[in-house]
Amino acid sequence: MFGDDISFRIERELELEIKRKCLILNLDFNDDVAMHGFAHDVLSHLDRYGKAAADGDMQARIKIELYGMAVLMHKSNAANFGAGYMTQLDALSERESAWVRIARAIWSELERRSTMNEARNEQA
């Protein structure tokens, strides 16, 4: 029980911080187009943003942190609910709405890229 309380508090704090980062970036997590744009942008420029953040670029740092928080929430949810929790995102969306929107956008972008790479490999 104690461990569950700590996990829930950590998830709640991460969700709040994700919402704060979205506000700072002027990113509406309820806007699917904006979420997909963010996912595409951050995955396309992950290395560049990482270097820029290390050099003091706050905008890049916030994007990297937001991406990292989404990955951290994924790991936390996988540990708490099991590997199949991704099929239950609608249930999580009530208490982790910002994270769920970002997660869906990131996983969608990763899936799109994987499909594109497979198509390229088949043509080669």
PDB file of N, CA and C in Angstrom:
ATOM      1  N   MET A   1       0.818  -1.196   0.000  1.00  0.00           N
ATOM      2  CA  MET A   1       0.000   0.000   0.000  1.00  0.00           C
ATOM      3  C   MET A   1       0.861   1.258   0.000  1.00  0.00           C
ATOM      4  N   PHE A   2       1.875   1.264   0.862  1.00  0.00           N
ATOM      5  CA  PHE A   2       2.749   2.433   0.951  1.00  0.00           C
ATOM      6  C   PHE A   2       3.431   2.705  -0.379  1.00  0.00           C
ATOM      7  N   GLY A   3       3.912   1.645  -1.033  1.00  0.00           N
ATOM      8  CA  GLY A   3       4.552   1.788  -2.338  1.00  0.00           C
ATOM      9  C   GLY A   3       3.589   2.324  -3.382  1.00  0.00           C
ATOM     10  N   ASP A   4       2.335   1.877  -3.329  1.00  0.00           N
ATOM     11  CA  ASP A   4       1.330   2.364  -4.267  1.00  0.00           C
ATOM     12  C   ASP A   4       1.067   3.852  -4.070  1.00  0.00           C
ATOM     13  N   ASP A   5       1.022   4.285  -2.804  1.00  0.00           N
ATOM     14  CA  ASP A   5       0.804   5.711  -2.517  1.00  0.00           C
ATOM     15  C   ASP A   5       1.940   6.554  -3.086  1.00  0.00           C
ATOM     16  N   ILE A   6       3.157   6.091  -2.927  1.00  0.00           N
ATOM     17  CA  ILE A   6       4.314   6.821  -3.444  1.00  0.00           C
ATOM     18  C   ILE A   6       4.261   6.860  -4.968  1.00  0.00           C
ATOM     19  N   SER A   7       3.977   5.735  -5.599  1.00  0.00           N
ATOM     20  CA  SER A   7       3.883   5.685  -7.058  1.00  0.00           C
ATOM     21  C   SER A   7       2.806   6.635  -7.567  1.00  0.00           C
ATOM     22  N   PHE A   8       1.655   6.631  -6.900  1.00  0.00           N
ATOM     23  CA  PHE A   8       0.565   7.511  -7.320  1.00  0.00           C
ATOM     24  C   PHE A   8       0.966   8.980  -7.183  1.00  0.00           C
ATOM     25  N   ARG A   9       1.632   9.328  -6.083  1.00  0.00           N
ATOM     26  CA  ARG A   9       2.072  10.716  -5.887  1.00  0.00           C
ATOM     27  C   ARG A   9       3.096  11.122  -6.937  1.00  0.00           C
ATOM     28  N   ILE A  10       4.011  10.217  -7.258  1.00  0.00           N
ATOM     29  CA  ILE A  10       5.018  10.519  -8.280  1.00  0.00           C
ATOM     30  C   ILE A  10       4.338  10.729  -9.629  1.00  0.00           C
ATOM     31  N   GLU A  11       3.410   9.857  -9.984  1.00  0.00           N
ATOM     32  CA  GLU A  11       2.686  10.003 -11.243  1.00  0.00           C
ATOM     33  C   GLU A  11       1.914  11.318 -11.283  1.00  0.00           C
ATOM     34  N   ARG A  12       1.280  11.677 -10.176  1.00  0.00           N
ATOM     35  CA  ARG A  12       0.518  12.929 -10.108  1.00  0.00           C
ATOM     36  C   ARG A  12       1.440  14.136 -10.277  1.00  0.00           C
ATOM     37  N   GLU A  13       2.610  14.095  -9.637  1.00  0.00           N
ATOM     38  CA  GLU A  13       3.574  15.196  -9.767  1.00  0.00           C
ATOM     39  C   GLU A  13       4.116  15.287 -11.197  1.00  0.00           C
ATOM     40  N   LEU A  14       4.393  14.137 -11.807  1.00  0.00           N
ATOM     41  CA  LEU A  14       4.859  14.140 -13.198  1.00  0.00           C
ATOM     42  C   LEU A  14       3.790  14.706 -14.128  1.00  0.00           C
ATOM     43  N   GLU A  15       2.550  14.323 -13.915  1.00  0.00           N
ATOM     44  CA  GLU A  15       1.457  14.837 -14.739  1.00  0.00           C
ATOM     45  C   GLU A  15       1.361  16.356 -14.601  1.00  0.00           C
ATOM     46  N   LEU A  16       1.457  16.867 -13.394  1.00  0.00           N
ATOM     47  CA  LEU A  16       1.419  18.321 -13.192  1.00  0.00           C
ATOM     48  C   LEU A  16       2.596  19.008 -13.871  1.00  0.00           C
ATOM     49  N   GLU A  17       3.767  18.412 -13.780  1.00  0.00           N
ATOM     50  CA  GLU A  17       4.946  19.013 -14.414  1.00  0.00           C
ATOM     51  C   GLU A  17       4.833  18.968 -15.932  1.00  0.00           C
ATOM     52  N   ILE A  18       4.252  17.902 -16.471  1.00  0.00           N
ATOM     53  CA  ILE A  18       4.022  17.823 -17.914  1.00  0.00           C
ATOM     54  C   ILE A  18       3.085  18.955 -18.346  1.00  0.00           C
ATOM     55  N   LYS A  19       2.039  19.193 -17.578  1.00  0.00           N
ATOM     56  CA  LYS A  19       1.113  20.283 -17.897  1.00  0.00           C
ATOM     57  C   LYS A  19       1.826  21.630 -17.829  1.00  0.00           C
ATOM     58  N   ARG A  20       2.700  21.813 -16.842  1.00  0.00           N
ATOM     59  CA  ARG A  20       3.457  23.067 -16.732  1.00  0.00           C
ATOM     60  C   ARG A  20       4.361  23.270 -17.947  1.00  0.00           C
ATOM     61  N   LYS A  21       5.044  22.213 -18.359  1.00  0.00           N
ATOM     62  CA  LYS A  21       5.932  22.310 -19.523  1.00  0.00           C
ATOM     63  C   LYS A  21       5.133  22.656 -20.776  1.00  0.00           C
ATOM     64  N   CYS A  22       3.955  22.057 -20.907  1.00  0.00           N
ATOM     65  CA  CYS A  22       3.102  22.370 -22.059  1.00  0.00           C
ATOM     66  C   CYS A  22       2.715  23.845 -22.047  1.00  0.00           C
ATOM     67  N   LEU A  23       2.382  24.368 -20.875  1.00  0.00           N
ATOM     68  CA  LEU A  23       2.042  25.790 -20.775  1.00  0.00           C
ATOM     69  C   LEU A  23       3.217  26.671 -21.167  1.00  0.00           C
ATOM     70  N   ILE A  24       4.399  26.335 -20.686  1.00  0.00           N
ATOM     71  CA  ILE A  24       5.590  27.123 -21.007  1.00  0.00           C
ATOM     72  C   ILE A  24       5.845  27.125 -22.511  1.00  0.00           C
ATOM     73  N   LEU A  25       5.633  25.975 -23.152  1.00  0.00           N
ATOM     74  CA  LEU A  25       5.850  25.857 -24.596  1.00  0.00           C
ATOM     75  C   LEU A  25       4.655  26.371 -25.406  1.00  0.00           C
ATOM     76  N   ASN A  26       3.614  26.831 -24.712  1.00  0.00           N
ATOM     77  CA  ASN A  26       2.382  27.262 -25.371  1.00  0.00           C
ATOM     78  C   ASN A  26       1.813  26.117 -26.213  1.00  0.00           C
ATOM     79  N   LEU A  27       1.820  24.937 -25.631  1.00  0.00           N
ATOM     80  CA  LEU A  27       1.422  23.706 -26.291  1.00  0.00           C
ATOM     81  C   LEU A  27       0.135  23.206 -25.644  1.00  0.00           C
ATOM     82  N   ASP A  28      -0.939  23.159 -26.399  1.00  0.00           N
ATOM     83  CA  ASP A  28      -2.224  22.708 -25.882  1.00  0.00           C
ATOM     84  C   ASP A  28      -2.281  21.188 -25.969  1.00  0.00           C
ATOM     85  N   PHE A  29      -2.186  20.536 -24.811  1.00  0.00           N
ATOM     86  CA  PHE A  29      -2.172  19.074 -24.830  1.00  0.00           C
ATOM     87  C   PHE A  29      -3.521  18.478 -25.219  1.00  0.00           C
ATOM     88  N   ASN A  30      -4.572  19.278 -25.298  1.00  0.00           N
ATOM     89  CA  ASN A  30      -5.873  18.797 -25.774  1.00  0.00           C
ATOM     90  C   ASN A  30      -5.992  18.864 -27.293  1.00  0.00           C
ATOM     91  N   ASP A  31      -5.005  19.435 -27.952  1.00  0.00           N
ATOM     92  CA  ASP A  31      -4.998  19.597 -29.407  1.00  0.00           C
ATOM     93  C   ASP A  31      -4.133  18.495 -30.019  1.00  0.00           C
ATOM     94  N   ASP A  32      -4.786  17.510 -30.625  1.00  0.00           N
ATOM     95  CA  ASP A  32      -4.048  16.367 -31.194  1.00  0.00           C
ATOM     96  C   ASP A  32      -3.053  16.792 -32.265  1.00  0.00           C
ATOM     97  N   VAL A  33      -3.414  17.778 -33.068  1.00  0.00           N
ATOM     98  CA  VAL A  33      -2.500  18.253 -34.115  1.00  0.00           C
ATOM     99  C   VAL A  33      -1.240  18.850 -33.473  1.00  0.00           C
ATOM    100  N   ALA A  34      -1.426  19.634 -32.428  1.00  0.00           N
ATOM    101  CA  ALA A  34      -0.284  20.223 -31.725  1.00  0.00           C
ATOM    102  C   ALA A  34       0.576  19.139 -31.088  1.00  0.00           C
ATOM    103  N   MET A  35      -0.053  18.111 -30.525  1.00  0.00           N
ATOM    104  CA  MET A  35       0.702  17.022 -29.891  1.00  0.00           C
ATOM    105  C   MET A  35       1.509  16.245 -30.931  1.00  0.00           C
ATOM    106  N   HIS A  36       0.901  15.982 -32.078  1.00  0.00           N
ATOM    107  CA  HIS A  36       1.626  15.278 -33.133  1.00  0.00           C
ATOM    108  C   HIS A  36       2.758  16.142 -33.679  1.00  0.00           C
ATOM    109  N   GLY A  37       2.525  17.439 -33.768  1.00  0.00           N
ATOM    110  CA  GLY A  37       3.591  18.356 -34.198  1.00  0.00           C
ATOM    111  C   GLY A  37       4.751  18.354 -33.220  1.00  0.00           C
ATOM    112  N   PHE A  38       4.439  18.369 -31.930  1.00  0.00           N
ATOM    113  CA  PHE A  38       5.486  18.304 -30.913  1.00  0.00           C
ATOM    114  C   PHE A  38       6.268  16.993 -31.034  1.00  0.00           C
ATOM    115  N   ALA A  39       5.560  15.882 -31.136  1.00  0.00           N
ATOM    116  CA  ALA A  39       6.219  14.572 -31.223  1.00  0.00           C
ATOM    117  C   ALA A  39       7.131  14.507 -32.451  1.00  0.00           C
ATOM    118  N   HIS A  40       6.625  14.960 -33.569  1.00  0.00           N
ATOM    119  CA  HIS A  40       7.431  14.951 -34.794  1.00  0.00           C
ATOM    120  C   HIS A  40       8.671  15.821 -34.621  1.00  0.00           C
ATOM    121  N   ASP A  41       8.474  17.016 -34.092  1.00  0.00           N
ATOM    122  CA  ASP A  41       9.584  17.956 -33.896  1.00  0.00           C
ATOM    123  C   ASP A  41      10.644  17.401 -32.948  1.00  0.00           C
ATOM    124  N   VAL A  42      10.216  16.936 -31.788  1.00  0.00           N
ATOM    125  CA  VAL A  42      11.202  16.498 -30.796  1.00  0.00           C
ATOM    126  C   VAL A  42      11.930  15.227 -31.257  1.00  0.00           C
ATOM    127  N   LEU A  43      11.226  14.314 -31.906  1.00  0.00           N
ATOM    128  CA  LEU A  43      11.890  13.100 -32.387  1.00  0.00           C
ATOM    129  C   LEU A  43      12.813  13.387 -33.568  1.00  0.00           C
ATOM    130  N   SER A  44      12.471  14.386 -34.354  1.00  0.00           N
ATOM    131  CA  SER A  44      13.310  14.759 -35.496  1.00  0.00           C
ATOM    132  C   SER A  44      14.589  15.468 -35.064  1.00  0.00           C
ATOM    133  N   HIS A  45      14.535  16.150 -33.934  1.00  0.00           N
ATOM    134  CA  HIS A  45      15.661  16.990 -33.509  1.00  0.00           C
ATOM    135  C   HIS A  45      16.181  16.638 -32.121  1.00  0.00           C
ATOM    136  N   LEU A  46      15.986  15.415 -31.691  1.00  0.00           N
ATOM    137  CA  LEU A  46      16.347  15.017 -30.329  1.00  0.00           C
ATOM    138  C   LEU A  46      17.814  15.306 -30.010  1.00  0.00           C
ATOM    139  N   ASP A  47      18.716  14.903 -30.879  1.00  0.00           N
ATOM    140  CA  ASP A  47      20.146  15.145 -30.630  1.00  0.00           C
ATOM    141  C   ASP A  47      20.460  16.635 -30.609  1.00  0.00           C
ATOM    142  N   ARG A  48      19.926  17.355 -31.568  1.00  0.00           N
ATOM    143  CA  ARG A  48      20.180  18.794 -31.640  1.00  0.00           C
ATOM    144  C   ARG A  48      19.632  19.523 -30.411  1.00  0.00           C
ATOM    145  N   TYR A  49      18.428  19.153 -29.996  1.00  0.00           N
ATOM    146  CA  TYR A  49      17.850  19.774 -28.804  1.00  0.00           C
ATOM    147  C   TYR A  49      18.653  19.420 -27.559  1.00  0.00           C
ATOM    148  N   GLY A  50      19.139  18.199 -27.494  1.00  0.00           N
ATOM    149  CA  GLY A  50      19.961  17.805 -26.353  1.00  0.00           C
ATOM    150  C   GLY A  50      21.225  18.637 -26.247  1.00  0.00           C
ATOM    151  N   LYS A  51      21.885  18.851 -27.376  1.00  0.00           N
ATOM    152  CA  LYS A  51      23.097  19.679 -27.387  1.00  0.00           C
ATOM    153  C   LYS A  51      22.771  21.138 -27.068  1.00  0.00           C
ATOM    154  N   ALA A  52      21.692  21.646 -27.643  1.00  0.00           N
ATOM    155  CA  ALA A  52      21.295  23.036 -27.389  1.00  0.00           C
ATOM    156  C   ALA A  52      20.928  23.226 -25.916  1.00  0.00           C
ATOM    157  N   ALA A  53      20.238  22.252 -25.341  1.00  0.00           N
ATOM    158  CA  ALA A  53      19.873  22.333 -23.927  1.00  0.00           C
ATOM    159  C   ALA A  53      21.115  22.367 -23.050  1.00  0.00           C
ATOM    160  N   ALA A  54      22.097  21.545 -23.407  1.00  0.00           N
ATOM    161  CA  ALA A  54      23.354  21.533 -22.649  1.00  0.00           C
ATOM    162  C   ALA A  54      24.086  22.867 -22.756  1.00  0.00           C
ATOM    163  N   ASP A  55      23.863  23.580 -23.866  1.00  0.00           N
ATOM    164  CA  ASP A  55      24.489  24.892 -24.065  1.00  0.00           C
ATOM    165  C   ASP A  55      23.651  26.031 -23.489  1.00  0.00           C
ATOM    166  N   GLY A  56      22.536  25.721 -22.814  1.00  0.00           N
ATOM    167  CA  GLY A  56      21.756  26.746 -22.143  1.00  0.00           C
ATOM    168  C   GLY A  56      20.487  27.189 -22.833  1.00  0.00           C
ATOM    169  N   ASP A  57      20.101  26.558 -23.929  1.00  0.00           N
ATOM    170  CA  ASP A  57      18.867  26.907 -24.637  1.00  0.00           C
ATOM    171  C   ASP A  57      17.672  26.363 -23.839  1.00  0.00           C
ATOM    172  N   MET A  58      16.945  27.267 -23.187  1.00  0.00           N
ATOM    173  CA  MET A  58      15.849  26.849 -22.309  1.00  0.00           C
ATOM    174  C   MET A  58      14.683  26.210 -23.073  1.00  0.00           C
ATOM    175  N   GLN A  59      14.390  26.700 -24.253  1.00  0.00           N
ATOM    176  CA  GLN A  59      13.302  26.132 -25.061  1.00  0.00           C
ATOM    177  C   GLN A  59      13.627  24.673 -25.399  1.00  0.00           C
ATOM    178  N   ALA A  60      14.853  24.424 -25.821  1.00  0.00           N
ATOM    179  CA  ALA A  60      15.278  23.059 -26.139  1.00  0.00           C
ATOM    180  C   ALA A  60      15.252  22.189 -24.887  1.00  0.00           C
ATOM    181  N   ARG A  61      15.690  22.747 -23.773  1.00  0.00           N
ATOM    182  CA  ARG A  61      15.713  21.997 -22.515  1.00  0.00           C
ATOM    183  C   ARG A  61      14.305  21.567 -22.110  1.00  0.00           C
ATOM    184  N   ILE A  62      13.351  22.479 -22.233  1.00  0.00           N
ATOM    185  CA  ILE A  62      11.975  22.155 -21.859  1.00  0.00           C
ATOM    186  C   ILE A  62      11.410  21.068 -22.771  1.00  0.00           C
ATOM    187  N   LYS A  63      11.711  21.120 -24.054  1.00  0.00           N
ATOM    188  CA  LYS A  63      11.252  20.075 -24.977  1.00  0.00           C
ATOM    189  C   LYS A  63      11.848  18.721 -24.613  1.00  0.00           C
ATOM    190  N   ILE A  64      13.141  18.705 -24.315  1.00  0.00           N
ATOM    191  CA  ILE A  64      13.805  17.454 -23.920  1.00  0.00           C
ATOM    192  C   ILE A  64      13.220  16.935 -22.608  1.00  0.00           C
ATOM    193  N   GLU A  65      13.000  17.834 -21.657  1.00  0.00           N
ATOM    194  CA  GLU A  65      12.429  17.428 -20.378  1.00  0.00           C
ATOM    195  C   GLU A  65      11.016  16.880 -20.547  1.00  0.00           C
ATOM    196  N   LEU A  66      10.213  17.521 -21.380  1.00  0.00           N
ATOM    197  CA  LEU A  66       8.851  17.056 -21.616  1.00  0.00           C
ATOM    198  C   LEU A  66       8.858  15.667 -22.252  1.00  0.00           C
ATOM    199  N   TYR A  67       9.707  15.475 -23.226  1.00  0.00           N
ATOM    200  CA  TYR A  67       9.849  14.158 -23.851  1.00  0.00           C
ATOM    201  C   TYR A  67      10.298  13.130 -22.808  1.00  0.00           C
ATOM    202  N   GLY A  68      11.294  13.500 -22.003  1.00  0.00           N
ATOM    203  CA  GLY A  68      11.799  12.595 -20.970  1.00  0.00           C
ATOM    204  C   GLY A  68      10.747  12.241 -19.937  1.00  0.00           C
ATOM    205  N   MET A  69       9.911  13.203 -19.571  1.00  0.00           N
ATOM    206  CA  MET A  69       8.844  12.930 -18.610  1.00  0.00           C
ATOM    207  C   MET A  69       7.820  11.956 -19.187  1.00  0.00           C
ATOM    208  N   ALA A  70       7.534  12.089 -20.470  1.00  0.00           N
ATOM    209  CA  ALA A  70       6.602  11.154 -21.113  1.00  0.00           C
ATOM    210  C   ALA A  70       7.178   9.737 -21.079  1.00  0.00           C
ATOM    211  N   VAL A  71       8.469   9.609 -21.339  1.00  0.00           N
ATOM    212  CA  VAL A  71       9.119   8.295 -21.284  1.00  0.00           C
ATOM    213  C   VAL A  71       9.117   7.763 -19.854  1.00  0.00           C
ATOM    214  N   LEU A  72       9.383   8.632 -18.886  1.00  0.00           N
ATOM    215  CA  LEU A  72       9.373   8.231 -17.476  1.00  0.00           C
ATOM    216  C   LEU A  72       7.981   7.767 -17.048  1.00  0.00           C
ATOM    217  N   MET A  73       6.941   8.472 -17.476  1.00  0.00           N
ATOM    218  CA  MET A  73       5.577   8.052 -17.159  1.00  0.00           C
ATOM    219  C   MET A  73       5.269   6.696 -17.791  1.00  0.00           C
ATOM    220  N   HIS A  74       5.765   6.484 -18.992  1.00  0.00           N
ATOM    221  CA  HIS A  74       5.569   5.186 -19.648  1.00  0.00           C
ATOM    222  C   HIS A  74       6.204   4.084 -18.802  1.00  0.00           C
ATOM    223  N   LYS A  75       7.427   4.302 -18.368  1.00  0.00           N
ATOM    224  CA  LYS A  75       8.111   3.290 -17.549  1.00  0.00           C
ATOM    225  C   LYS A  75       7.391   3.057 -16.228  1.00  0.00           C
ATOM    226  N   SER A  76       6.921   4.125 -15.610  1.00  0.00           N
ATOM    227  CA  SER A  76       6.196   4.011 -14.345  1.00  0.00           C
ATOM    228  C   SER A  76       4.886   3.248 -14.528  1.00  0.00           C
ATOM    229  N   ASN A  77       4.143   3.591 -15.560  1.00  0.00           N
ATOM    230  CA  ASN A  77       2.880   2.907 -15.810  1.00  0.00           C
ATOM    231  C   ASN A  77       3.092   1.449 -16.191  1.00  0.00           C
ATOM    232  N   ALA A  78       4.125   1.165 -16.962  1.00  0.00           N
ATOM    233  CA  ALA A  78       4.423  -0.221 -17.323  1.00  0.00           C
ATOM    234  C   ALA A  78       4.765  -1.032 -16.071  1.00  0.00           C
ATOM    235  N   ALA A  79       5.506  -0.416 -15.151  1.00  0.00           N
ATOM    236  CA  ALA A  79       5.863  -1.105 -13.904  1.00  0.00           C
ATOM    237  C   ALA A  79       4.638  -1.318 -13.019  1.00  0.00           C
ATOM    238  N   ASN A  80       3.749  -0.333 -12.968  1.00  0.00           N
ATOM    239  CA  ASN A  80       2.582  -0.426 -12.092  1.00  0.00           C
ATOM    240  C   ASN A  80       1.456  -1.275 -12.655  1.00  0.00           C
ATOM    241  N   PHE A  81       1.247  -1.207 -13.978  1.00  0.00           N
ATOM    242  CA  PHE A  81       0.084  -1.851 -14.571  1.00  0.00           C
ATOM    243  C   PHE A  81       0.419  -3.014 -15.504  1.00  0.00           C
ATOM    244  N   GLY A  82       1.685  -3.238 -15.769  1.00  0.00           N
ATOM    245  CA  GLY A  82       2.083  -4.314 -16.659  1.00  0.00           C
ATOM    246  C   GLY A  82       2.274  -3.825 -18.080  1.00  0.00           C
ATOM    247  N   ALA A  83       2.913  -4.661 -18.871  1.00  0.00           N
ATOM    248  CA  ALA A  83       3.291  -4.280 -20.233  1.00  0.00           C
ATOM    249  C   ALA A  83       2.094  -3.951 -21.118  1.00  0.00           C
ATOM    250  N   GLY A  84       0.945  -4.525 -20.837  1.00  0.00           N
ATOM    251  CA  GLY A  84      -0.230  -4.317 -21.679  1.00  0.00           C
ATOM    252  C   GLY A  84      -1.033  -3.074 -21.345  1.00  0.00           C
ATOM    253  N   TYR A  85      -0.524  -2.244 -20.457  1.00  0.00           N
ATOM    254  CA  TYR A  85      -1.296  -1.072 -20.041  1.00  0.00           C
ATOM    255  C   TYR A  85      -1.610  -0.128 -21.199  1.00  0.00           C
ATOM    256  N   MET A  86      -0.800  -0.151 -22.270  1.00  0.00           N
ATOM    257  CA  MET A  86      -1.021   0.767 -23.398  1.00  0.00           C
ATOM    258  C   MET A  86      -2.390   0.551 -24.042  1.00  0.00           C
ATOM    259  N   THR A  87      -2.958  -0.642 -23.880  1.00  0.00           N
ATOM    260  CA  THR A  87      -4.288  -0.897 -24.428  1.00  0.00           C
ATOM    261  C   THR A  87      -5.376  -0.278 -23.555  1.00  0.00           C
ATOM    262  N   GLN A  88      -4.992   0.223 -22.391  1.00  0.00           N
ATOM    263  CA  GLN A  88      -5.949   0.798 -21.435  1.00  0.00           C
ATOM    264  C   GLN A  88      -5.760   2.301 -21.248  1.00  0.00           C
ATOM    265  N   LEU A  89      -5.222   2.985 -22.258  1.00  0.00           N
ATOM    266  CA  LEU A  89      -4.928   4.410 -22.115  1.00  0.00           C
ATOM    267  C   LEU A  89      -6.165   5.250 -21.823  1.00  0.00           C
ATOM    268  N   ASP A  90      -7.310   4.840 -22.317  1.00  0.00           N
ATOM    269  CA  ASP A  90      -8.523   5.619 -22.053  1.00  0.00           C
ATOM    270  C   ASP A  90      -8.811   5.684 -20.551  1.00  0.00           C
ATOM    271  N   ALA A  91      -8.565   4.588 -19.846  1.00  0.00           N
ATOM    272  CA  ALA A  91      -8.780   4.583 -18.395  1.00  0.00           C
ATOM    273  C   ALA A  91      -7.790   5.517 -17.699  1.00  0.00           C
ATOM    274  N   LEU A  92      -6.569   5.572 -18.185  1.00  0.00           N
ATOM    275  CA  LEU A  92      -5.568   6.448 -17.590  1.00  0.00           C
ATOM    276  C   LEU A  92      -5.801   7.914 -17.936  1.00  0.00           C
ATOM    277  N   SER A  93      -6.488   8.174 -19.028  1.00  0.00           N
ATOM    278  CA  SER A  93      -6.626   9.550 -19.498  1.00  0.00           C
ATOM    279  C   SER A  93      -7.396  10.437 -18.516  1.00  0.00           C
ATOM    280  N   GLU A  94      -8.167   9.839 -17.633  1.00  0.00           N
ATOM    281  CA  GLU A  94      -8.899  10.647 -16.664  1.00  0.00           C
ATOM    282  C   GLU A  94      -7.966  11.275 -15.631  1.00  0.00           C
ATOM    283  N   ARG A  95      -6.919  10.554 -15.235  1.00  0.00           N
ATOM    284  CA  ARG A  95      -6.024  11.118 -14.225  1.00  0.00           C
ATOM    285  C   ARG A  95      -4.679  11.559 -14.788  1.00  0.00           C
ATOM    286  N   GLU A  96      -4.379  11.176 -16.016  1.00  0.00           N
ATOM    287  CA  GLU A  96      -3.103  11.532 -16.645  1.00  0.00           C
ATOM    288  C   GLU A  96      -3.354  12.035 -18.065  1.00  0.00           C
ATOM    289  N   SER A  97      -4.236  13.001 -18.198  1.00  0.00           N
ATOM    290  CA  SER A  97      -4.691  13.414 -19.530  1.00  0.00           C
ATOM    291  C   SER A  97      -3.573  13.999 -20.387  1.00  0.00           C
ATOM    292  N   ALA A  98      -2.731  14.844 -19.832  1.00  0.00           N
ATOM    293  CA  ALA A  98      -1.657  15.451 -20.627  1.00  0.00           C
ATOM    294  C   ALA A  98      -0.661  14.381 -21.073  1.00  0.00           C
ATOM    295  N   TRP A  99      -0.279  13.519 -20.143  1.00  0.00           N
ATOM    296  CA  TRP A  99       0.677  12.472 -20.492  1.00  0.00           C
ATOM    297  C   TRP A  99       0.112  11.544 -21.558  1.00  0.00           C
ATOM    298  N   VAL A 100      -1.144  11.159 -21.436  1.00  0.00           N
ATOM    299  CA  VAL A 100      -1.754  10.244 -22.400  1.00  0.00           C
ATOM    300  C   VAL A 100      -1.739  10.865 -23.792  1.00  0.00           C
ATOM    301  N   ARG A 101      -2.056  12.143 -23.894  1.00  0.00           N
ATOM    302  CA  ARG A 101      -2.058  12.817 -25.203  1.00  0.00           C
ATOM    303  C   ARG A 101      -0.655  12.846 -25.808  1.00  0.00           C
ATOM    304  N   ILE A 102       0.328  13.172 -24.994  1.00  0.00           N
ATOM    305  CA  ILE A 102       1.713  13.210 -25.491  1.00  0.00           C
ATOM    306  C   ILE A 102       2.180  11.805 -25.846  1.00  0.00           C
ATOM    307  N   ALA A 103       1.869  10.847 -24.994  1.00  0.00           N
ATOM    308  CA  ALA A 103       2.276   9.459 -25.252  1.00  0.00           C
ATOM    309  C   ALA A 103       1.693   8.950 -26.561  1.00  0.00           C
ATOM    310  N   ARG A 104       0.409   9.180 -26.767  1.00  0.00           N
ATOM    311  CA  ARG A 104      -0.219   8.734 -28.015  1.00  0.00           C
ATOM    312  C   ARG A 104       0.453   9.368 -29.231  1.00  0.00           C
ATOM    313  N   ALA A 105       0.769  10.646 -29.127  1.00  0.00           N
ATOM    314  CA  ALA A 105       1.417  11.340 -30.245  1.00  0.00           C
ATOM    315  C   ALA A 105       2.814  10.778 -30.499  1.00  0.00           C
ATOM    316  N   ILE A 106       3.582  10.556 -29.441  1.00  0.00           N
ATOM    317  CA  ILE A 106       4.946  10.024 -29.602  1.00  0.00           C
ATOM    318  C   ILE A 106       4.899   8.618 -30.179  1.00  0.00           C
ATOM    319  N   TRP A 107       4.038   7.756 -29.625  1.00  0.00           N
ATOM    320  CA  TRP A 107       3.982   6.375 -30.121  1.00  0.00           C
ATOM    321  C   TRP A 107       3.490   6.350 -31.567  1.00  0.00           C
ATOM    322  N   SER A 108       2.550   7.237 -31.893  1.00  0.00           N
ATOM    323  CA  SER A 108       2.056   7.329 -33.269  1.00  0.00           C
ATOM    324  C   SER A 108       3.176   7.748 -34.221  1.00  0.00           C
ATOM    325  N   GLU A 109       3.946   8.737 -33.808  1.00  0.00           N
ATOM    326  CA  GLU A 109       5.066   9.207 -34.638  1.00  0.00           C
ATOM    327  C   GLU A 109       6.122   8.117 -34.792  1.00  0.00           C
ATOM    328  N   LEU A 110       6.413   7.403 -33.713  1.00  0.00           N
ATOM    329  CA  LEU A 110       7.390   6.306 -33.802  1.00  0.00           C
ATOM    330  C   LEU A 110       6.883   5.200 -34.726  1.00  0.00           C
ATOM    331  N   GLU A 111       5.602   4.899 -34.636  1.00  0.00           N
ATOM    332  CA  GLU A 111       5.008   3.883 -35.505  1.00  0.00           C
ATOM    333  C   GLU A 111       5.042   4.325 -36.971  1.00  0.00           C
ATOM    334  N   ARG A 112       4.739   5.597 -37.211  1.00  0.00           N
ATOM    335  CA  ARG A 112       4.771   6.143 -38.573  1.00  0.00           C
ATOM    336  C   ARG A 112       6.177   6.027 -39.150  1.00  0.00           C
ATOM    337  N   ARG A 113       7.167   6.378 -38.341  1.00  0.00           N
ATOM    338  CA  ARG A 113       8.552   6.302 -38.804  1.00  0.00           C
ATOM    339  C   ARG A 113       8.974   4.869 -39.074  1.00  0.00           C
ATOM    340  N   SER A 114       8.536   3.962 -38.239  1.00  0.00           N
ATOM    341  CA  SER A 114       8.858   2.549 -38.438  1.00  0.00           C
ATOM    342  C   SER A 114       8.253   2.036 -39.733  1.00  0.00           C
ATOM    343  N   THR A 115       7.000   2.410 -39.997  1.00  0.00           N
ATOM    344  CA  THR A 115       6.324   2.007 -41.234  1.00  0.00           C
ATOM    345  C   THR A 115       7.047   2.577 -42.447  1.00  0.00           C
ATOM    346  N   MET A 116       7.467   3.842 -42.350  1.00  0.00           N
ATOM    347  CA  MET A 116       8.190   4.463 -43.466  1.00  0.00           C
ATOM    348  C   MET A 116       9.527   3.756 -43.710  1.00  0.00           C
ATOM    349  N   ASN A 117      10.222   3.408 -42.639  1.00  0.00           N
ATOM    350  CA  ASN A 117      11.504   2.710 -42.786  1.00  0.00           C
ATOM    351  C   ASN A 117      11.312   1.321 -43.396  1.00  0.00           C
ATOM    352  N   GLU A 118      10.262   0.635 -42.999  1.00  0.00           N
ATOM    353  CA  GLU A 118       9.974  -0.683 -43.570  1.00  0.00           C
ATOM    354  C   GLU A 118       9.685  -0.561 -45.060  1.00  0.00           C
ATOM    355  N   ALA A 119       8.921   0.446 -45.440  1.00  0.00           N
ATOM    356  CA  ALA A 119       8.603   0.655 -46.860  1.00  0.00           C
ATOM    357  C   ALA A 119       9.859   0.967 -47.657  1.00  0.00           C
ATOM    358  N   ARG A 120      10.738   1.778 -47.092  1.00  0.00           N
ATOM    359  CA  ARG A 120      11.998   2.090 -47.770  1.00  0.00           C
ATOM    360  C   ARG A 120      12.851   0.843 -47.951  1.00  0.00           C
ATOM    361  N   ASN A 121      12.889   0.023 -46.926  1.00  0.00           N
ATOM    362  CA  ASN A 121      13.688  -1.222 -46.996  1.00  0.00           C
ATOM    363  C   ASN A 121      13.132  -2.183 -48.033  1.00  0.00           C
ATOM    364  N   GLU A 122      11.816  -2.223 -48.162  1.00  0.00           N
ATOM    365  CA  GLU A 122      11.204  -3.103 -49.156  1.00  0.00           C
ATOM    366  C   GLU A 122      11.492  -2.628 -50.576  1.00  0.00           C
ATOM    367  N   GLN A 123      11.610  -1.297 -50.753  1.00  0.00           N
ATOM    368  CA  GLN A 123      11.892  -0.747 -52.085  1.00  0.00           C
ATOM    369  C   GLN A 123      13.351  -0.927 -52.466  1.00  0.00           C
ATOM    370  N   ALA A 124      14.213  -1.036 -51.483  1.00  0.00           N
ATOM    371  CA  ALA A 124      15.653  -1.137 -51.766  1.00  0.00           C
ATOM    372  C   ALA A 124      16.081  -2.502 -52.210  1.00  0.00           C
TER     373      ALA A 124
END
